[in-house]
Amino acid sequence: MSETEQRFIDIEMALSNLERVVEDLNEVIISQGKDIAFLQKQNHYLTEAVRNTQSTVKPEEEETPPPHY
């Protein structure tokens, strides 16, 4: 096998490894994108829940003391 042929084989192997790494990274990015979308949706729901809760909670001075006071 000539030196040129060996260099081509080495280049093809390196390219194959790089393609695999790119595919793996792409899968990670897709997974993280899904996680981020889920967390954004969850954050939105929790923010709305807190806003709704705040409107139903009386200020401390308007609250009646518990019975044990």
PDB file of N, CA and C in Angstrom:
ATOM      1  N   MET A   1       0.851  -1.167   0.000  1.00  0.00           N
ATOM      2  CA  MET A   1       0.000   0.000   0.000  1.00  0.00           C
ATOM      3  C   MET A   1       0.898   1.231   0.000  1.00  0.00           C
ATOM      4  N   SER A   2       0.564   2.161  -0.867  1.00  0.00           N
ATOM      5  CA  SER A   2       1.387   3.361  -0.979  1.00  0.00           C
ATOM      6  C   SER A   2       1.056   4.344   0.147  1.00  0.00           C
ATOM      7  N   GLU A   3       1.934   5.311   0.306  1.00  0.00           N
ATOM      8  CA  GLU A   3       1.743   6.333   1.341  1.00  0.00           C
ATOM      9  C   GLU A   3       0.488   7.144   1.056  1.00  0.00           C
ATOM     10  N   THR A   4       0.205   7.420  -0.205  1.00  0.00           N
ATOM     11  CA  THR A   4      -0.988   8.188  -0.579  1.00  0.00           C
ATOM     12  C   THR A   4      -2.255   7.427  -0.223  1.00  0.00           C
ATOM     13  N   GLU A   5      -2.267   6.125  -0.522  1.00  0.00           N
ATOM     14  CA  GLU A   5      -3.432   5.317  -0.180  1.00  0.00           C
ATOM     15  C   GLU A   5      -3.661   5.293   1.333  1.00  0.00           C
ATOM     16  N   GLN A   6      -2.574   5.166   2.090  1.00  0.00           N
ATOM     17  CA  GLN A   6      -2.694   5.151   3.543  1.00  0.00           C
ATOM     18  C   GLN A   6      -3.228   6.491   4.063  1.00  0.00           C
ATOM     19  N   ARG A   7      -2.777   7.580   3.466  1.00  0.00           N
ATOM     20  CA  ARG A   7      -3.261   8.904   3.869  1.00  0.00           C
ATOM     21  C   ARG A   7      -4.754   9.026   3.578  1.00  0.00           C
ATOM     22  N   PHE A   8      -5.201   8.521   2.429  1.00  0.00           N
ATOM     23  CA  PHE A   8      -6.636   8.556   2.104  1.00  0.00           C
ATOM     24  C   PHE A   8      -7.441   7.730   3.118  1.00  0.00           C
ATOM     25  N   ILE A   9      -6.939   6.588   3.468  1.00  0.00           N
ATOM     26  CA  ILE A   9      -7.620   5.742   4.453  1.00  0.00           C
ATOM     27  C   ILE A   9      -7.710   6.472   5.795  1.00  0.00           C
ATOM     28  N   ASP A  10      -6.605   7.084   6.215  1.00  0.00           N
ATOM     29  CA  ASP A  10      -6.598   7.831   7.478  1.00  0.00           C
ATOM     30  C   ASP A  10      -7.586   8.994   7.437  1.00  0.00           C
ATOM     31  N   ILE A  11      -7.626   9.680   6.309  1.00  0.00           N
ATOM     32  CA  ILE A  11      -8.557  10.812   6.170  1.00  0.00           C
ATOM     33  C   ILE A  11     -10.001  10.318   6.204  1.00  0.00           C
ATOM     34  N   GLU A  12     -10.289   9.215   5.524  1.00  0.00           N
ATOM     35  CA  GLU A  12     -11.644   8.664   5.531  1.00  0.00           C
ATOM     36  C   GLU A  12     -12.058   8.209   6.927  1.00  0.00           C
ATOM     37  N   MET A  13     -11.128   7.635   7.667  1.00  0.00           N
ATOM     38  CA  MET A  13     -11.434   7.209   9.030  1.00  0.00           C
ATOM     39  C   MET A  13     -11.700   8.422   9.924  1.00  0.00           C
ATOM     40  N   ALA A  14     -10.881   9.456   9.775  1.00  0.00           N
ATOM     41  CA  ALA A  14     -11.081  10.664  10.568  1.00  0.00           C
ATOM     42  C   ALA A  14     -12.417  11.307  10.225  1.00  0.00           C
ATOM     43  N   LEU A  15     -12.755  11.353   8.936  1.00  0.00           N
ATOM     44  CA  LEU A  15     -14.030  11.921   8.505  1.00  0.00           C
ATOM     45  C   LEU A  15     -15.193  11.107   9.060  1.00  0.00           C
ATOM     46  N   SER A  16     -15.072   9.811   9.050  1.00  0.00           N
ATOM     47  CA  SER A  16     -16.116   8.943   9.584  1.00  0.00           C
ATOM     48  C   SER A  16     -16.319   9.201  11.079  1.00  0.00           C
ATOM     49  N   ASN A  17     -15.221   9.339  11.815  1.00  0.00           N
ATOM     50  CA  ASN A  17     -15.313   9.638  13.242  1.00  0.00           C
ATOM     51  C   ASN A  17     -15.959  10.999  13.479  1.00  0.00           C
ATOM     52  N   LEU A  18     -15.591  11.986  12.679  1.00  0.00           N
ATOM     53  CA  LEU A  18     -16.175  13.319  12.824  1.00  0.00           C
ATOM     54  C   LEU A  18     -17.668  13.312  12.522  1.00  0.00           C
ATOM     55  N   GLU A  19     -18.078  12.560  11.521  1.00  0.00           N
ATOM     56  CA  GLU A  19     -19.505  12.460  11.207  1.00  0.00           C
ATOM     57  C   GLU A  19     -20.270  11.844  12.373  1.00  0.00           C
ATOM     58  N   ARG A  20     -19.689  10.820  12.998  1.00  0.00           N
ATOM     59  CA  ARG A  20     -20.337  10.188  14.155  1.00  0.00           C
ATOM     60  C   ARG A  20     -20.443  11.181  15.312  1.00  0.00           C
ATOM     61  N   VAL A  21     -19.395  11.951  15.556  1.00  0.00           N
ATOM     62  CA  VAL A  21     -19.407  12.942  16.632  1.00  0.00           C
ATOM     63  C   VAL A  21     -20.468  13.998  16.355  1.00  0.00           C
ATOM     64  N   VAL A  22     -20.569  14.450  15.112  1.00  0.00           N
ATOM     65  CA  VAL A  22     -21.572  15.458  14.759  1.00  0.00           C
ATOM     66  C   VAL A  22     -22.982  14.898  14.977  1.00  0.00           C
ATOM     67  N   GLU A  23     -23.214  13.670  14.597  1.00  0.00           N
ATOM     68  CA  GLU A  23     -24.530  13.051  14.819  1.00  0.00           C
ATOM     69  C   GLU A  23     -24.839  12.937  16.309  1.00  0.00           C
ATOM     70  N   ASP A  24     -23.846  12.541  17.099  1.00  0.00           N
ATOM     71  CA  ASP A  24     -24.046  12.440  18.553  1.00  0.00           C
ATOM     72  C   ASP A  24     -24.353  13.811  19.155  1.00  0.00           C
ATOM     73  N   LEU A  25     -23.608  14.823  18.750  1.00  0.00           N
ATOM     74  CA  LEU A  25     -23.840  16.177  19.256  1.00  0.00           C
ATOM     75  C   LEU A  25     -25.214  16.691  18.830  1.00  0.00           C
ATOM     76  N   ASN A  26     -25.624  16.356  17.631  1.00  0.00           N
ATOM     77  CA  ASN A  26     -26.937  16.771  17.147  1.00  0.00           C
ATOM     78  C   ASN A  26     -28.044  16.162  18.014  1.00  0.00           C
ATOM     79  N   GLU A  27     -27.877  14.889  18.381  1.00  0.00           N
ATOM     80  CA  GLU A  27     -28.862  14.243  19.248  1.00  0.00           C
ATOM     81  C   GLU A  27     -28.918  14.925  20.609  1.00  0.00           C
ATOM     82  N   VAL A  28     -27.762  15.314  21.131  1.00  0.00           N
ATOM     83  CA  VAL A  28     -27.724  16.012  22.420  1.00  0.00           C
ATOM     84  C   VAL A  28     -28.431  17.359  22.301  1.00  0.00           C
ATOM     85  N   ILE A  29     -28.179  18.079  21.234  1.00  0.00           N
ATOM     86  CA  ILE A  29     -28.805  19.390  21.035  1.00  0.00           C
ATOM     87  C   ILE A  29     -30.316  19.251  20.927  1.00  0.00           C
ATOM     88  N   ILE A  30     -30.785  18.257  20.204  1.00  0.00           N
ATOM     89  CA  ILE A  30     -32.225  18.033  20.069  1.00  0.00           C
ATOM     90  C   ILE A  30     -32.833  17.707  21.431  1.00  0.00           C
ATOM     91  N   SER A  31     -32.169  16.849  22.189  1.00  0.00           N
ATOM     92  CA  SER A  31     -32.663  16.492  23.519  1.00  0.00           C
ATOM     93  C   SER A  31     -32.699  17.709  24.436  1.00  0.00           C
ATOM     94  N   GLN A  32     -31.662  18.510  24.416  1.00  0.00           N
ATOM     95  CA  GLN A  32     -31.622  19.707  25.254  1.00  0.00           C
ATOM     96  C   GLN A  32     -32.682  20.717  24.819  1.00  0.00           C
ATOM     97  N   GLY A  33     -32.933  20.808  23.526  1.00  0.00           N
ATOM     98  CA  GLY A  33     -33.984  21.694  23.037  1.00  0.00           C
ATOM     99  C   GLY A  33     -35.347  21.279  23.575  1.00  0.00           C
ATOM    100  N   LYS A  34     -35.599  19.966  23.596  1.00  0.00           N
ATOM    101  CA  LYS A  34     -36.861  19.475  24.150  1.00  0.00           C
ATOM    102  C   LYS A  34     -36.947  19.776  25.640  1.00  0.00           C
ATOM    103  N   ASP A  35     -35.836  19.564  26.348  1.00  0.00           N
ATOM    104  CA  ASP A  35     -35.818  19.858  27.785  1.00  0.00           C
ATOM    105  C   ASP A  35     -36.080  21.341  28.046  1.00  0.00           C
ATOM    106  N   ILE A  36     -35.455  22.202  27.274  1.00  0.00           N
ATOM    107  CA  ILE A  36     -35.637  23.643  27.441  1.00  0.00           C
ATOM    108  C   ILE A  36     -37.079  24.027  27.166  1.00  0.00           C
ATOM    109  N   ALA A  37     -37.673  23.484  26.121  1.00  0.00           N
ATOM    110  CA  ALA A  37     -39.073  23.791  25.806  1.00  0.00           C
ATOM    111  C   ALA A  37     -39.984  23.347  26.951  1.00  0.00           C
ATOM    112  N   PHE A  38     -39.734  22.157  27.503  1.00  0.00           N
ATOM    113  CA  PHE A  38     -40.531  21.672  28.631  1.00  0.00           C
ATOM    114  C   PHE A  38     -40.378  22.589  29.835  1.00  0.00           C
ATOM    115  N   LEU A  39     -39.143  22.966  30.148  1.00  0.00           N
ATOM    116  CA  LEU A  39     -38.896  23.821  31.307  1.00  0.00           C
ATOM    117  C   LEU A  39     -39.501  25.212  31.120  1.00  0.00           C
ATOM    118  N   GLN A  40     -39.478  25.735  29.898  1.00  0.00           N
ATOM    119  CA  GLN A  40     -40.107  27.030  29.643  1.00  0.00           C
ATOM    120  C   GLN A  40     -41.613  26.951  29.863  1.00  0.00           C
ATOM    121  N   LYS A  41     -42.221  25.870  29.386  1.00  0.00           N
ATOM    122  CA  LYS A  41     -43.655  25.692  29.579  1.00  0.00           C
ATOM    123  C   LYS A  41     -43.980  25.543  31.057  1.00  0.00           C
ATOM    124  N   GLN A  42     -43.196  24.749  31.760  1.00  0.00           N
ATOM    125  CA  GLN A  42     -43.407  24.555  33.188  1.00  0.00           C
ATOM    126  C   GLN A  42     -43.228  25.879  33.943  1.00  0.00           C
ATOM    127  N   ASN A  43     -42.231  26.650  33.583  1.00  0.00           N
ATOM    128  CA  ASN A  43     -41.996  27.948  34.205  1.00  0.00           C
ATOM    129  C   ASN A  43     -43.188  28.877  33.975  1.00  0.00           C
ATOM    130  N   HIS A  44     -43.728  28.844  32.777  1.00  0.00           N
ATOM    131  CA  HIS A  44     -44.894  29.681  32.459  1.00  0.00           C
ATOM    132  C   HIS A  44     -46.085  29.301  33.345  1.00  0.00           C
ATOM    133  N   TYR A  45     -46.360  28.002  33.455  1.00  0.00           N
ATOM    134  CA  TYR A  45     -47.484  27.545  34.288  1.00  0.00           C
ATOM    135  C   TYR A  45     -47.268  27.907  35.756  1.00  0.00           C
ATOM    136  N   LEU A  46     -46.049  27.723  36.247  1.00  0.00           N
ATOM    137  CA  LEU A  46     -45.768  28.043  37.639  1.00  0.00           C
ATOM    138  C   LEU A  46     -45.874  29.545  37.898  1.00  0.00           C
ATOM    139  N   THR A  47     -45.422  30.350  36.960  1.00  0.00           N
ATOM    140  CA  THR A  47     -45.531  31.802  37.096  1.00  0.00           C
ATOM    141  C   THR A  47     -46.995  32.217  37.155  1.00  0.00           C
ATOM    142  N   GLU A  48     -47.802  31.628  36.291  1.00  0.00           N
ATOM    143  CA  GLU A  48     -49.236  31.931  36.311  1.00  0.00           C
ATOM    144  C   GLU A  48     -49.873  31.475  37.620  1.00  0.00           C
ATOM    145  N   ALA A  49     -49.476  30.321  38.121  1.00  0.00           N
ATOM    146  CA  ALA A  49     -50.026  29.821  39.383  1.00  0.00           C
ATOM    147  C   ALA A  49     -49.672  30.759  40.530  1.00  0.00           C
ATOM    148  N   VAL A  50     -48.452  31.259  40.544  1.00  0.00           N
ATOM    149  CA  VAL A  50     -48.045  32.196  41.596  1.00  0.00           C
ATOM    150  C   VAL A  50     -48.837  33.489  41.482  1.00  0.00           C
ATOM    151  N   ARG A  51     -49.006  33.979  40.276  1.00  0.00           N
ATOM    152  CA  ARG A  51     -49.796  35.209  40.083  1.00  0.00           C
ATOM    153  C   ARG A  51     -51.231  35.019  40.575  1.00  0.00           C
ATOM    154  N   ASN A  52     -51.820  33.882  40.249  1.00  0.00           N
ATOM    155  CA  ASN A  52     -53.194  33.613  40.682  1.00  0.00           C
ATOM    156  C   ASN A  52     -53.274  33.456  42.199  1.00  0.00           C
ATOM    157  N   THR A  53     -52.264  32.870  42.787  1.00  0.00           N
ATOM    158  CA  THR A  53     -52.243  32.687  44.238  1.00  0.00           C
ATOM    159  C   THR A  53     -52.096  34.029  44.942  1.00  0.00           C
ATOM    160  N   GLN A  54     -51.280  34.899  44.404  1.00  0.00           N
ATOM    161  CA  GLN A  54     -51.063  36.202  45.029  1.00  0.00           C
ATOM    162  C   GLN A  54     -52.346  37.022  45.064  1.00  0.00           C
ATOM    163  N   SER A  55     -53.197  36.845  44.101  1.00  0.00           N
ATOM    164  CA  SER A  55     -54.427  37.631  44.076  1.00  0.00           C
ATOM    165  C   SER A  55     -55.431  37.118  45.108  1.00  0.00           C
ATOM    166  N   THR A  56     -55.273  35.890  45.593  1.00  0.00           N
ATOM    167  CA  THR A  56     -56.215  35.348  46.577  1.00  0.00           C
ATOM    168  C   THR A  56     -55.684  35.429  48.002  1.00  0.00           C
ATOM    169  N   VAL A  57     -54.419  35.778  48.189  1.00  0.00           N
ATOM    170  CA  VAL A  57     -53.831  35.868  49.517  1.00  0.00           C
ATOM    171  C   VAL A  57     -54.029  37.289  50.040  1.00  0.00           C
ATOM    172  N   LYS A  58     -54.547  37.401  51.261  1.00  0.00           N
ATOM    173  CA  LYS A  58     -54.761  38.704  51.876  1.00  0.00           C
ATOM    174  C   LYS A  58     -53.435  39.229  52.411  1.00  0.00           C
ATOM    175  N   PRO A  59     -53.303  40.539  52.509  1.00  0.00           N
ATOM    176  CA  PRO A  59     -52.114  41.086  53.177  1.00  0.00           C
ATOM    177  C   PRO A  59     -52.089  40.637  54.638  1.00  0.00           C
ATOM    178  N   GLU A  60     -50.922  40.593  55.230  1.00  0.00           N
ATOM    179  CA  GLU A  60     -50.762  40.059  56.585  1.00  0.00           C
ATOM    180  C   GLU A  60     -51.623  40.804  57.602  1.00  0.00           C
ATOM    181  N   GLU A  61     -51.740  42.109  57.468  1.00  0.00           N
ATOM    182  CA  GLU A  61     -52.524  42.866  58.448  1.00  0.00           C
ATOM    183  C   GLU A  61     -54.029  42.576  58.345  1.00  0.00           C
ATOM    184  N   GLU A  62     -54.484  42.039  57.227  1.00  0.00           N
ATOM    185  CA  GLU A  62     -55.893  41.685  57.057  1.00  0.00           C
ATOM    186  C   GLU A  62     -56.196  40.252  57.500  1.00  0.00           C
ATOM    187  N   GLU A  63     -55.172  39.446  57.699  1.00  0.00           N
ATOM    188  CA  GLU A  63     -55.371  38.057  58.107  1.00  0.00           C
ATOM    189  C   GLU A  63     -55.799  38.003  59.570  1.00  0.00           C
ATOM    190  N   THR A  64     -56.720  37.114  59.874  1.00  0.00           N
ATOM    191  CA  THR A  64     -57.110  36.903  61.269  1.00  0.00           C
ATOM    192  C   THR A  64     -56.092  35.975  61.915  1.00  0.00           C
ATOM    193  N   PRO A  65     -55.770  36.222  63.185  1.00  0.00           N
ATOM    194  CA  PRO A  65     -54.779  35.368  63.843  1.00  0.00           C
ATOM    195  C   PRO A  65     -55.314  33.945  64.026  1.00  0.00           C
ATOM    196  N   PRO A  66     -54.440  32.970  64.048  1.00  0.00           N
ATOM    197  CA  PRO A  66     -54.871  31.586  64.252  1.00  0.00           C
ATOM    198  C   PRO A  66     -55.541  31.429  65.623  1.00  0.00           C
ATOM    199  N   PRO A  67     -56.346  30.400  65.822  1.00  0.00           N
ATOM    200  CA  PRO A  67     -57.099  30.241  67.070  1.00  0.00           C
ATOM    201  C   PRO A  67     -56.233  30.094  68.325  1.00  0.00           C
ATOM    202  N   HIS A  68     -55.018  29.649  68.206  1.00  0.00           N
ATOM    203  CA  HIS A  68     -54.197  29.434  69.398  1.00  0.00           C
ATOM    204  C   HIS A  68     -53.562  30.715  69.924  1.00  0.00           C
ATOM    205  N   TYR A  69     -53.840  31.869  69.319  1.00  0.00           N
ATOM    206  CA  TYR A  69     -53.321  33.149  69.825  1.00  0.00           C
ATOM    207  C   TYR A  69     -54.267  33.762  70.790  1.00  0.00           C
TER     208      TYR A  69
END
